Amino acid sequence: MIATKRDERGVGHVEIVLLVVVVALIGFVGWFVYHAKQNADQTLDAASTTSTSAQPNFAKNKNTTSTTASTSNTSLQSDLQDATSAANQGNKDMSSTNTSLSDQSTFTSIPQ
């Protein structure tokens, strides 16, 4: 029989290096996920704090409320009057357009 020579030196070292790389990769992925979750939690906590502190402060003094309400009502009434006048002007323009379209004298007859 012929003896075959096997040169297996260094194979153990390659296995160890691959094992270290795999363990390091798993550790890095775990750290990255943990770090991302911590940042997300901090962002959500900050948003929750902001939304809680952004709640409206209702006035407890009736005089302040009535003054504010009358000011906003006046403003709203003014805006409503402006919108109504603009709508009325649009209706007048539409009416004049419809009148001119229904006027038969403006059409040119084509002899057949």
C-alpha atoms as a PDB file:
ATOM      1  CA  MET A   1       0.000   0.000   0.000  1.00  0.00           C
ATOM      2  CA  ILE A   2       0.993   3.472  -0.744  1.00  0.00           C
ATOM      3  CA  ALA A   3       0.781   5.804   2.173  1.00  0.00           C
ATOM      4  CA  THR A   4      -0.804   9.161   1.377  1.00  0.00           C
ATOM      5  CA  LYS A   5       0.675  12.144   2.986  1.00  0.00           C
ATOM      6  CA  ARG A   6      -1.828  14.439   4.611  1.00  0.00           C
ATOM      7  CA  ASP A   7      -0.793  17.946   5.370  1.00  0.00           C
ATOM      8  CA  GLU A   8      -3.449  19.227   7.722  1.00  0.00           C
ATOM      9  CA  ARG A   9      -1.385  21.753   9.614  1.00  0.00           C
ATOM     10  CA  GLY A  10      -3.150  25.106  10.092  1.00  0.00           C
ATOM     11  CA  VAL A  11      -6.704  23.825   9.611  1.00  0.00           C
ATOM     12  CA  GLY A  12      -7.389  24.253  13.330  1.00  0.00           C
ATOM     13  CA  HIS A  13      -6.275  27.849  13.151  1.00  0.00           C
ATOM     14  CA  VAL A  14      -8.637  28.620  10.252  1.00  0.00           C
ATOM     15  CA  GLU A  15     -11.518  27.113  12.200  1.00  0.00           C
ATOM     16  CA  ILE A  16     -10.693  29.270  15.207  1.00  0.00           C
ATOM     17  CA  VAL A  17     -10.485  32.431  13.082  1.00  0.00           C
ATOM     18  CA  LEU A  18     -13.855  31.652  11.448  1.00  0.00           C
ATOM     19  CA  LEU A  19     -15.392  31.014  14.851  1.00  0.00           C
ATOM     20  CA  VAL A  20     -14.093  34.351  16.174  1.00  0.00           C
ATOM     21  CA  VAL A  21     -15.436  36.168  13.101  1.00  0.00           C
ATOM     22  CA  VAL A  22     -18.899  34.588  13.470  1.00  0.00           C
ATOM     23  CA  VAL A  23     -19.065  35.368  17.195  1.00  0.00           C
ATOM     24  CA  ALA A  24     -17.930  38.961  16.562  1.00  0.00           C
ATOM     25  CA  LEU A  25     -20.547  39.372  13.836  1.00  0.00           C
ATOM     26  CA  ILE A  26     -23.310  38.086  16.094  1.00  0.00           C
ATOM     27  CA  GLY A  27     -22.125  40.402  18.882  1.00  0.00           C
ATOM     28  CA  PHE A  28     -22.043  43.422  16.557  1.00  0.00           C
ATOM     29  CA  VAL A  29     -25.559  42.749  15.274  1.00  0.00           C
ATOM     30  CA  GLY A  30     -26.817  42.391  18.841  1.00  0.00           C
ATOM     31  CA  TRP A  31     -25.150  45.664  19.888  1.00  0.00           C
ATOM     32  CA  PHE A  32     -26.558  47.461  16.843  1.00  0.00           C
ATOM     33  CA  VAL A  33     -30.119  46.296  17.547  1.00  0.00           C
ATOM     34  CA  TYR A  34     -29.802  47.237  21.233  1.00  0.00           C
ATOM     35  CA  HIS A  35     -28.417  50.685  20.357  1.00  0.00           C
ATOM     36  CA  ALA A  36     -31.179  51.309  17.780  1.00  0.00           C
ATOM     37  CA  LYS A  37     -33.851  50.342  20.316  1.00  0.00           C
ATOM     38  CA  GLN A  38     -32.407  52.694  22.927  1.00  0.00           C
ATOM     39  CA  ASN A  39     -32.440  55.602  20.435  1.00  0.00           C
ATOM     40  CA  ALA A  40     -36.023  54.805  19.406  1.00  0.00           C
ATOM     41  CA  ASP A  41     -37.142  54.683  23.032  1.00  0.00           C
ATOM     42  CA  GLN A  42     -35.506  58.052  23.756  1.00  0.00           C
ATOM     43  CA  THR A  43     -37.153  59.611  20.699  1.00  0.00           C
ATOM     44  CA  LEU A  44     -40.576  58.251  21.665  1.00  0.00           C
ATOM     45  CA  ASP A  45     -40.141  59.446  25.244  1.00  0.00           C
ATOM     46  CA  ALA A  46     -39.232  62.933  24.017  1.00  0.00           C
ATOM     47  CA  ALA A  47     -42.223  62.974  21.674  1.00  0.00           C
ATOM     48  CA  SER A  48     -44.508  61.804  24.454  1.00  0.00           C
ATOM     49  CA  THR A  49     -43.225  64.521  26.783  1.00  0.00           C
ATOM     50  CA  THR A  50     -43.652  67.159  24.091  1.00  0.00           C
ATOM     51  CA  SER A  51     -47.190  66.083  23.246  1.00  0.00           C
ATOM     52  CA  THR A  52     -48.123  66.055  26.927  1.00  0.00           C
ATOM     53  CA  SER A  53     -46.756  69.550  27.509  1.00  0.00           C
ATOM     54  CA  ALA A  54     -48.278  70.854  24.275  1.00  0.00           C
ATOM     55  CA  GLN A  55     -51.819  70.471  25.577  1.00  0.00           C
ATOM     56  CA  PRO A  56     -53.835  73.715  25.491  1.00  0.00           C
ATOM     57  CA  ASN A  57     -54.114  75.746  28.641  1.00  0.00           C
ATOM     58  CA  PHE A  58     -57.737  76.680  29.165  1.00  0.00           C
ATOM     59  CA  ALA A  59     -58.287  79.984  30.919  1.00  0.00           C
ATOM     60  CA  LYS A  60     -60.024  79.697  34.270  1.00  0.00           C
ATOM     61  CA  ASN A  61     -60.950  83.380  34.403  1.00  0.00           C
ATOM     62  CA  LYS A  62     -64.276  83.955  32.661  1.00  0.00           C
ATOM     63  CA  ASN A  63     -63.391  87.537  31.696  1.00  0.00           C
ATOM     64  CA  THR A  64     -60.337  86.405  29.773  1.00  0.00           C
ATOM     65  CA  THR A  65     -62.329  83.706  28.023  1.00  0.00           C
ATOM     66  CA  SER A  66     -65.109  86.042  26.917  1.00  0.00           C
ATOM     67  CA  THR A  67     -62.613  88.596  25.584  1.00  0.00           C
ATOM     68  CA  THR A  68     -60.753  85.931  23.653  1.00  0.00           C
ATOM     69  CA  ALA A  69     -64.003  84.424  22.383  1.00  0.00           C
ATOM     70  CA  SER A  70     -65.372  87.749  21.215  1.00  0.00           C
ATOM     71  CA  THR A  71     -62.105  88.546  19.433  1.00  0.00           C
ATOM     72  CA  SER A  72     -62.034  85.197  17.670  1.00  0.00           C
ATOM     73  CA  ASN A  73     -65.759  85.450  16.844  1.00  0.00           C
ATOM     74  CA  THR A  74     -65.213  88.860  15.281  1.00  0.00           C
ATOM     75  CA  SER A  75     -62.352  87.494  13.248  1.00  0.00           C
ATOM     76  CA  LEU A  76     -64.388  84.475  12.172  1.00  0.00           C
ATOM     77  CA  GLN A  77     -67.361  86.651  11.201  1.00  0.00           C
ATOM     78  CA  SER A  78     -65.078  88.868   9.127  1.00  0.00           C
ATOM     79  CA  ASP A  79     -63.605  85.840   7.370  1.00  0.00           C
ATOM     80  CA  LEU A  80     -67.087  84.462   6.749  1.00  0.00           C
ATOM     81  CA  GLN A  81     -68.243  87.757   5.217  1.00  0.00           C
ATOM     82  CA  ASP A  82     -65.195  87.827   2.940  1.00  0.00           C
ATOM     83  CA  ALA A  83     -65.844  84.262   1.807  1.00  0.00           C
ATOM     84  CA  THR A  84     -69.529  84.988   1.233  1.00  0.00           C
ATOM     85  CA  SER A  85     -68.795  88.065  -0.878  1.00  0.00           C
ATOM     86  CA  ALA A  86     -66.278  86.103  -2.931  1.00  0.00           C
ATOM     87  CA  ALA A  87     -68.838  83.339  -3.485  1.00  0.00           C
ATOM     88  CA  ASN A  88     -71.488  85.872  -4.490  1.00  0.00           C
ATOM     89  CA  GLN A  89     -69.086  87.447  -6.999  1.00  0.00           C
ATOM     90  CA  GLY A  90     -68.370  84.004  -8.434  1.00  0.00           C
ATOM     91  CA  ASN A  91     -72.103  83.321  -8.743  1.00  0.00           C
ATOM     92  CA  LYS A  92     -72.606  86.624 -10.601  1.00  0.00           C
ATOM     93  CA  ASP A  93     -69.770  85.785 -12.983  1.00  0.00           C
ATOM     94  CA  MET A  94     -71.207  82.324 -13.604  1.00  0.00           C
ATOM     95  CA  SER A  95     -74.667  83.762 -14.182  1.00  0.00           C
ATOM     96  CA  SER A  96     -73.383  86.237 -16.777  1.00  0.00           C
ATOM     97  CA  THR A  97     -71.488  83.457 -18.531  1.00  0.00           C
ATOM     98  CA  ASN A  98     -74.593  81.253 -18.644  1.00  0.00           C
ATOM     99  CA  THR A  99     -76.656  84.146 -19.990  1.00  0.00           C
ATOM    100  CA  SER A 100     -74.219  84.792 -22.816  1.00  0.00           C
ATOM    101  CA  LEU A 101     -74.111  81.093 -23.701  1.00  0.00           C
ATOM    102  CA  SER A 102     -77.891  80.784 -23.808  1.00  0.00           C
ATOM    103  CA  ASP A 103     -78.226  83.863 -26.036  1.00  0.00           C
ATOM    104  CA  GLN A 104     -78.894  82.437 -29.506  1.00  0.00           C
ATOM    105  CA  SER A 105     -77.832  85.604 -31.301  1.00  0.00           C
ATOM    106  CA  THR A 106     -74.191  84.982 -30.453  1.00  0.00           C
ATOM    107  CA  PHE A 107     -74.125  81.659 -32.324  1.00  0.00           C
ATOM    108  CA  THR A 108     -73.264  81.668 -35.971  1.00  0.00           C
ATOM    109  CA  SER A 109     -75.503  79.557 -38.106  1.00  0.00           C
ATOM    110  CA  ILE A 110     -73.868  77.310 -40.642  1.00  0.00           C
ATOM    111  CA  PRO A 111     -75.818  76.852 -43.883  1.00  0.00           C
ATOM    112  CA  GLN A 112     -76.443  73.234 -44.785  1.00  0.00           C
END
